[in-house]
Amino acid sequence: MQQLDPKLEIASRLLSGIISQDRNRKLTDRSDDIRHSLDVAAELIRQSEERSPPDLDLTLDPPKPIRTREARVGREEVQLKELREQRNRTSEAPRDARIARGHTLH
């Protein structure tokens, strides 16, 4: 595909927006719109050439490693037999005689 002059490409995009806003105008009325689009495109190109391109550092630096905190938890190993004995000792506690057995209303 053939490359258009940047001025013509910008002007055609501007003109397509203007045409889509009012489709009932005649070609003779559009000549002012065409001239205006070309003027705006020329001004856009002129202003873009005046600006200096931004200074970008495009070197690829390796990413820095992410440091995370790690905590070690020291736990004593308890035998399963000991755990069962502790559980049985707490469940065999004497019950209070004042506590009524059976249904209660809350």
Protein backbone atom coordinates (compact mmCIF):
# COMPACT_ATOMS: atom_id res chain seq x y z
CA MET A 1 0.00 0.00 0.00
CA GLN A 2 1.25 3.43 -0.94
CA GLN A 3 2.23 5.77 1.90
CA LEU A 4 0.42 9.10 1.85
CA ASP A 5 2.06 12.39 2.62
CA PRO A 6 1.63 12.90 6.39
CA LYS A 7 -0.12 16.21 5.73
CA LEU A 8 -2.66 14.54 3.43
CA GLU A 9 -3.24 11.67 5.86
CA ILE A 10 -3.94 14.02 8.77
CA ALA A 11 -6.12 16.26 6.61
CA SER A 12 -8.16 13.30 5.35
CA ARG A 13 -8.84 12.14 8.90
CA LEU A 14 -9.87 15.63 9.96
CA LEU A 15 -12.05 16.03 6.88
CA SER A 16 -13.80 12.70 7.44
CA GLY A 17 -14.83 13.92 10.90
CA ILE A 18 -16.13 17.18 9.49
CA ILE A 19 -18.05 15.44 6.71
CA SER A 20 -19.66 12.97 9.10
CA GLN A 21 -21.06 15.87 11.15
CA ASP A 22 -23.00 17.39 8.24
CA ARG A 23 -23.64 15.14 5.23
CA ASN A 24 -26.05 17.46 3.40
CA ARG A 25 -23.50 20.01 2.25
CA LYS A 26 -22.48 20.29 -1.41
CA LEU A 27 -18.97 19.91 -2.79
CA THR A 28 -18.64 23.67 -3.37
CA ASP A 29 -19.37 24.23 0.32
CA ARG A 30 -16.78 21.64 1.27
CA SER A 31 -13.85 23.54 -0.31
CA ASP A 32 -13.52 25.69 2.83
CA ASP A 33 -13.54 22.53 4.95
CA ILE A 34 -10.79 20.99 2.79
CA ARG A 35 -8.60 24.10 3.02
CA HIS A 36 -9.15 24.24 6.77
CA SER A 37 -8.22 20.56 7.20
CA LEU A 38 -5.01 21.06 5.20
CA ASP A 39 -4.10 24.13 7.27
CA VAL A 40 -4.70 22.29 10.53
CA ALA A 41 -2.62 19.33 9.33
CA ALA A 42 0.26 21.62 8.33
CA GLU A 43 0.13 23.32 11.73
CA LEU A 44 0.14 19.97 13.53
CA ILE A 45 3.19 18.84 11.58
CA ARG A 46 4.99 22.15 12.17
CA GLN A 47 4.40 22.04 15.92
CA SER A 48 5.41 18.41 16.20
CA GLU A 49 8.72 19.13 14.43
CA GLU A 50 9.51 22.03 16.78
CA ARG A 51 9.38 19.84 19.84
CA SER A 52 12.45 17.87 20.73
CA PRO A 53 11.83 14.18 21.23
CA PRO A 54 11.83 13.10 24.86
CA ASP A 55 15.05 11.67 26.21
CA LEU A 56 14.32 8.06 26.92
CA ASP A 57 16.69 5.61 28.49
CA LEU A 58 15.92 2.48 26.52
CA THR A 59 18.60 0.27 27.99
CA LEU A 60 17.43 -3.00 29.41
CA ASP A 61 18.51 -3.40 33.01
CA PRO A 62 17.87 -6.74 34.64
CA PRO A 63 15.11 -6.54 37.23
CA LYS A 64 16.21 -6.29 40.81
CA PRO A 65 15.37 -9.32 42.93
CA ILE A 66 12.47 -8.86 45.27
CA ARG A 67 13.41 -9.29 48.89
CA THR A 68 10.88 -10.98 51.09
CA ARG A 69 10.79 -11.59 54.79
CA GLU A 70 10.68 -15.13 55.97
CA ALA A 71 9.88 -16.14 59.51
CA ARG A 72 10.71 -19.46 60.97
CA VAL A 73 8.39 -20.84 63.55
CA GLY A 74 9.92 -23.18 66.06
CA ARG A 75 7.45 -25.71 67.40
CA GLU A 76 8.00 -28.53 69.74
CA GLU A 77 7.00 -31.90 68.48
CA VAL A 78 4.38 -33.49 70.69
CA GLN A 79 3.56 -37.14 70.43
CA LEU A 80 0.03 -38.12 69.49
CA LYS A 81 -0.20 -40.21 72.63
CA GLU A 82 0.47 -37.16 74.82
CA LEU A 83 -2.17 -35.12 72.98
CA ARG A 84 -4.78 -37.82 73.58
CA GLU A 85 -3.93 -37.98 77.26
CA GLN A 86 -4.26 -34.21 77.62
CA ARG A 87 -7.62 -34.25 75.89
CA ASN A 88 -8.94 -37.08 78.05
CA ARG A 89 -7.83 -35.31 81.25
CA THR A 90 -9.77 -32.14 80.37
CA SER A 91 -12.91 -33.97 79.27
CA GLU A 92 -13.07 -35.99 82.51
CA ALA A 93 -13.43 -32.89 84.67
CA PRO A 94 -16.22 -33.22 87.26
CA ARG A 95 -19.51 -31.66 86.20
CA ASP A 96 -21.21 -29.10 88.35
CA ALA A 97 -24.36 -30.52 89.95
CA ARG A 98 -26.17 -27.20 89.64
CA ILE A 99 -26.18 -27.40 85.85
CA ALA A 100 -29.47 -28.91 84.78
CA ARG A 101 -29.27 -31.62 82.19
CA GLY A 102 -31.73 -31.64 79.35
CA HIS A 103 -33.48 -28.92 77.37
CA THR A 104 -32.96 -25.29 78.20
CA LEU A 105 -34.67 -22.13 77.01
CA HIS A 106 -32.57 -19.35 75.63
